[in-house]
Protein backbone atom coordinates (compact mmCIF):
# COMPACT_ATOMS: atom_id res chain seq x y z
CA UNK A 1 33.26 -52.20 146.63
CA UNK A 2 35.46 -49.52 145.14
CA UNK A 3 34.81 -46.65 143.17
CA UNK A 4 34.01 -46.85 139.49
CA UNK A 5 32.79 -50.64 139.97
CA UNK A 6 29.16 -51.42 139.74
CA UNK A 7 26.95 -53.11 142.07
CA UNK A 8 26.73 -57.07 141.78
CA UNK A 9 23.88 -57.89 139.23
CA UNK A 10 24.46 -54.35 137.67
CA UNK A 11 26.35 -53.42 134.65
CA UNK A 12 28.23 -50.46 134.13
CA UNK A 13 26.46 -47.70 132.34
CA UNK A 14 29.06 -45.11 131.50
CA UNK A 15 30.58 -44.95 128.30
CA UNK A 16 27.86 -47.18 126.63
CA UNK A 17 26.16 -45.75 123.72
CA UNK A 18 21.95 -45.63 123.24
CA UNK A 19 19.75 -44.04 121.24
CA UNK A 20 18.19 -40.84 122.35
CA UNK A 21 14.59 -39.68 121.63
CA UNK A 22 15.62 -37.27 118.51
CA UNK A 23 17.66 -40.08 116.91
CA UNK A 24 14.56 -42.30 117.21
CA UNK A 25 12.37 -39.77 115.75
CA UNK A 26 14.71 -39.11 112.78
CA UNK A 27 14.85 -42.86 112.22
CA UNK A 28 11.39 -43.23 112.39
CA UNK A 29 10.68 -40.30 110.09
CA UNK A 30 13.04 -41.97 107.42
CA UNK A 31 11.18 -45.31 107.70
CA UNK A 32 8.09 -43.37 106.93
CA UNK A 33 9.34 -41.80 104.05
CA UNK A 34 10.75 -44.73 102.53
CA UNK A 35 7.45 -46.60 103.28
CA UNK A 36 5.50 -43.97 101.61
CA UNK A 37 7.77 -44.04 98.66
CA UNK A 38 7.19 -47.78 98.19
CA UNK A 39 3.40 -47.30 98.06
CA UNK A 40 3.28 -44.29 95.74
CA UNK A 41 5.75 -46.73 93.59
CA UNK A 42 3.36 -49.67 93.90
CA UNK A 43 0.13 -47.47 92.93
CA UNK A 44 2.08 -46.22 89.82
CA UNK A 45 2.84 -49.65 89.03
CA UNK A 46 -0.83 -50.63 89.15
CA UNK A 47 -2.09 -47.77 86.91
CA UNK A 48 0.47 -48.41 84.64
CA UNK A 49 -0.42 -52.08 84.36
CA UNK A 50 -3.94 -51.35 83.93
CA UNK A 51 -3.26 -48.86 81.08
CA UNK A 52 -1.23 -51.27 79.20
CA UNK A 53 -3.73 -54.10 79.73
CA UNK A 54 -6.79 -51.79 78.59
CA UNK A 55 -4.49 -50.71 75.45
CA UNK A 56 -3.68 -54.30 74.47
CA UNK A 57 -7.37 -55.20 74.79
CA UNK A 58 -8.17 -52.32 72.51
CA UNK A 59 -5.66 -53.00 70.14
CA UNK A 60 -6.81 -56.69 70.13
CA UNK A 61 -10.22 -55.68 69.51
CA UNK A 62 -9.35 -53.18 66.75
CA UNK A 63 -7.38 -55.90 65.24
CA UNK A 64 -10.13 -58.42 65.29
CA UNK A 65 -12.56 -55.57 63.95
CA UNK A 66 -10.45 -54.46 61.11
CA UNK A 67 -9.70 -57.82 59.98
CA UNK A 68 -13.26 -58.91 59.60
CA UNK A 69 -13.62 -55.37 57.65
CA UNK A 70 -10.40 -56.71 55.31
CA UNK A 71 -12.28 -59.95 54.72
CA UNK A 72 -15.34 -58.51 53.17
CA UNK A 73 -15.88 -58.08 49.51
CA UNK A 74 -15.01 -54.49 48.49
CA UNK A 75 -18.54 -53.52 47.81
CA UNK A 76 -19.65 -54.51 51.34
CA UNK A 77 -17.30 -51.96 52.97
CA UNK A 78 -19.84 -49.39 53.61
CA UNK A 79 -21.56 -47.71 56.43
CA UNK A 80 -24.52 -49.71 57.92
CA UNK A 81 -23.46 -52.98 56.50
CA UNK A 82 -22.45 -55.87 59.05
CA UNK A 83 -18.71 -56.69 59.11
CA UNK A 84 -19.40 -60.21 58.40
CA UNK A 85 -22.14 -62.66 57.67
CA UNK A 86 -21.76 -64.18 61.58
CA UNK A 87 -22.60 -60.61 63.14
CA UNK A 88 -25.50 -59.77 60.87
CA UNK A 89 -28.04 -59.73 63.27
CA UNK A 90 -29.95 -62.86 61.69
CA UNK A 91 -31.36 -65.60 63.99
CA UNK A 92 -30.45 -63.79 67.23
CA UNK A 93 -26.74 -63.11 66.20
CA UNK A 94 -25.14 -59.88 67.33
CA UNK A 95 -25.27 -57.13 64.93
CA UNK A 96 -21.87 -55.65 64.15
CA UNK A 97 -21.87 -52.81 61.65
CA UNK A 98 -19.61 -50.43 60.06
CA UNK A 99 -21.05 -47.46 61.35
CA UNK A 100 -21.88 -44.18 59.40
CA UNK A 101 -18.42 -42.11 59.10
CA UNK A 102 -17.46 -39.90 61.89
CA UNK A 103 -19.68 -40.96 64.25
CA UNK A 104 -18.77 -42.34 67.67
CA UNK A 105 -20.31 -45.81 68.68
CA UNK A 106 -20.32 -46.83 72.23
CA UNK A 107 -18.83 -50.43 72.46
CA UNK A 108 -19.81 -51.62 75.87
CA UNK A 109 -22.85 -53.26 74.56
CA UNK A 110 -23.90 -56.62 74.39
CA UNK A 111 -23.49 -57.06 70.98
CA UNK A 112 -19.69 -55.86 71.07
CA UNK A 113 -19.24 -57.99 74.14
CA UNK A 114 -20.32 -60.94 72.40
CA UNK A 115 -18.00 -60.23 69.15
CA UNK A 116 -15.48 -59.68 71.38
CA UNK A 117 -15.91 -60.68 75.14
CA UNK A 118 -12.72 -59.12 76.86
CA UNK A 119 -14.41 -55.75 76.43
CA UNK A 120 -15.86 -56.43 79.75
CA UNK A 121 -12.47 -55.28 81.25
CA UNK A 122 -13.10 -51.92 80.05
CA UNK A 123 -16.95 -51.78 79.87
CA UNK A 124 -16.76 -49.06 82.83
CA UNK A 125 -14.31 -47.05 80.99
CA UNK A 126 -16.85 -45.53 78.57
CA UNK A 127 -15.08 -47.16 75.29
CA UNK A 128 -16.23 -45.77 71.95
CA UNK A 129 -15.57 -46.86 68.28
CA UNK A 130 -14.85 -44.38 65.45
CA UNK A 131 -15.04 -45.57 61.84
CA UNK A 132 -14.03 -43.05 59.19
CA UNK A 133 -14.35 -43.91 55.39
CA UNK A 134 -12.76 -41.95 52.73
CA UNK A 135 -13.78 -43.13 49.20
CA UNK A 136 -11.43 -42.20 46.27
CA UNK A 137 -12.34 -42.37 42.57
CA UNK A 138 -10.56 -42.87 39.54
CA UNK A 139 -12.12 -41.62 36.15
CA UNK A 140 -15.75 -41.49 38.13
CA UNK A 141 -15.24 -45.32 39.11
CA UNK A 142 -14.82 -46.09 42.93
CA UNK A 143 -11.14 -47.14 43.12
CA UNK A 144 -10.27 -47.55 46.85
CA UNK A 145 -11.39 -47.06 50.25
CA UNK A 146 -8.97 -45.55 53.12
CA UNK A 147 -10.83 -46.92 56.69
CA UNK A 148 -9.45 -45.31 59.58
CA UNK A 149 -10.75 -46.96 63.16
CA UNK A 150 -10.28 -45.74 66.27
CA UNK A 151 -10.85 -46.89 69.86
CA UNK A 152 -10.98 -44.51 72.89
CA UNK A 153 -11.86 -44.89 76.72
CA UNK A 154 -11.45 -43.17 79.85
CA UNK A 155 -8.21 -43.41 81.73
CA UNK A 156 -7.79 -45.64 84.88
CA UNK A 157 -8.64 -44.19 87.97
CA UNK A 158 -9.90 -41.16 86.12
CA UNK A 159 -6.36 -39.80 85.74
CA UNK A 160 -5.28 -37.99 82.83
CA UNK A 161 -7.06 -37.72 79.30
CA UNK A 162 -9.07 -40.43 77.20
CA UNK A 163 -6.73 -43.17 76.09
CA UNK A 164 -7.02 -43.94 72.26
CA UNK A 165 -5.70 -46.54 69.76
CA UNK A 166 -6.16 -46.58 66.00
CA UNK A 167 -5.52 -48.38 62.87
CA UNK A 168 -5.72 -47.62 59.32
CA UNK A 169 -6.23 -49.92 56.38
CA UNK A 170 -6.47 -49.16 52.70
CA UNK A 171 -8.92 -51.17 50.42
CA UNK A 172 -8.45 -51.03 46.70
CA UNK A 173 -11.17 -52.48 44.17
CA UNK A 174 -11.29 -56.46 44.27
CA UNK A 175 -9.65 -57.86 40.77
CA UNK A 176 -10.86 -60.94 39.34
CA UNK A 177 -8.82 -63.89 39.28
CA UNK A 178 -6.51 -63.93 36.21
């Protein structure tokens, strides 16, 4: 065997590139940072998805609630009256009323969940309903009612303030058919 040659069965190791412990530690650190960033992005995405779902549910609930109020005769748009004849509390039906103006009403009750079953998704978020009625008269006669309906609830995983959606409608006196 001559100098510079490897013994039989062994490869020559001189000039072969290899990782050092420092390089491996740096690579592992970069991998850890990337992994943490990915997990953070996943968590943020889940919170955003949950917020969007809750907002869509609240908006859909408001739409259904307001559509029932819009279908009422003008004289039946008043605090304490049911939003329609189905949800009037008679015969075991749930009682869904127009609450007193400017008073928050919790909507995680059995009556509201019967009216709109998807409220179960936000029942742990303390959802509440606020209806504000503003009556306007012309020449001493009630002419129109401005109705503002809001729903608010706690943010997902208690990050941020309360979430809120609202709808405004305007009802004028019913005109007899011509």
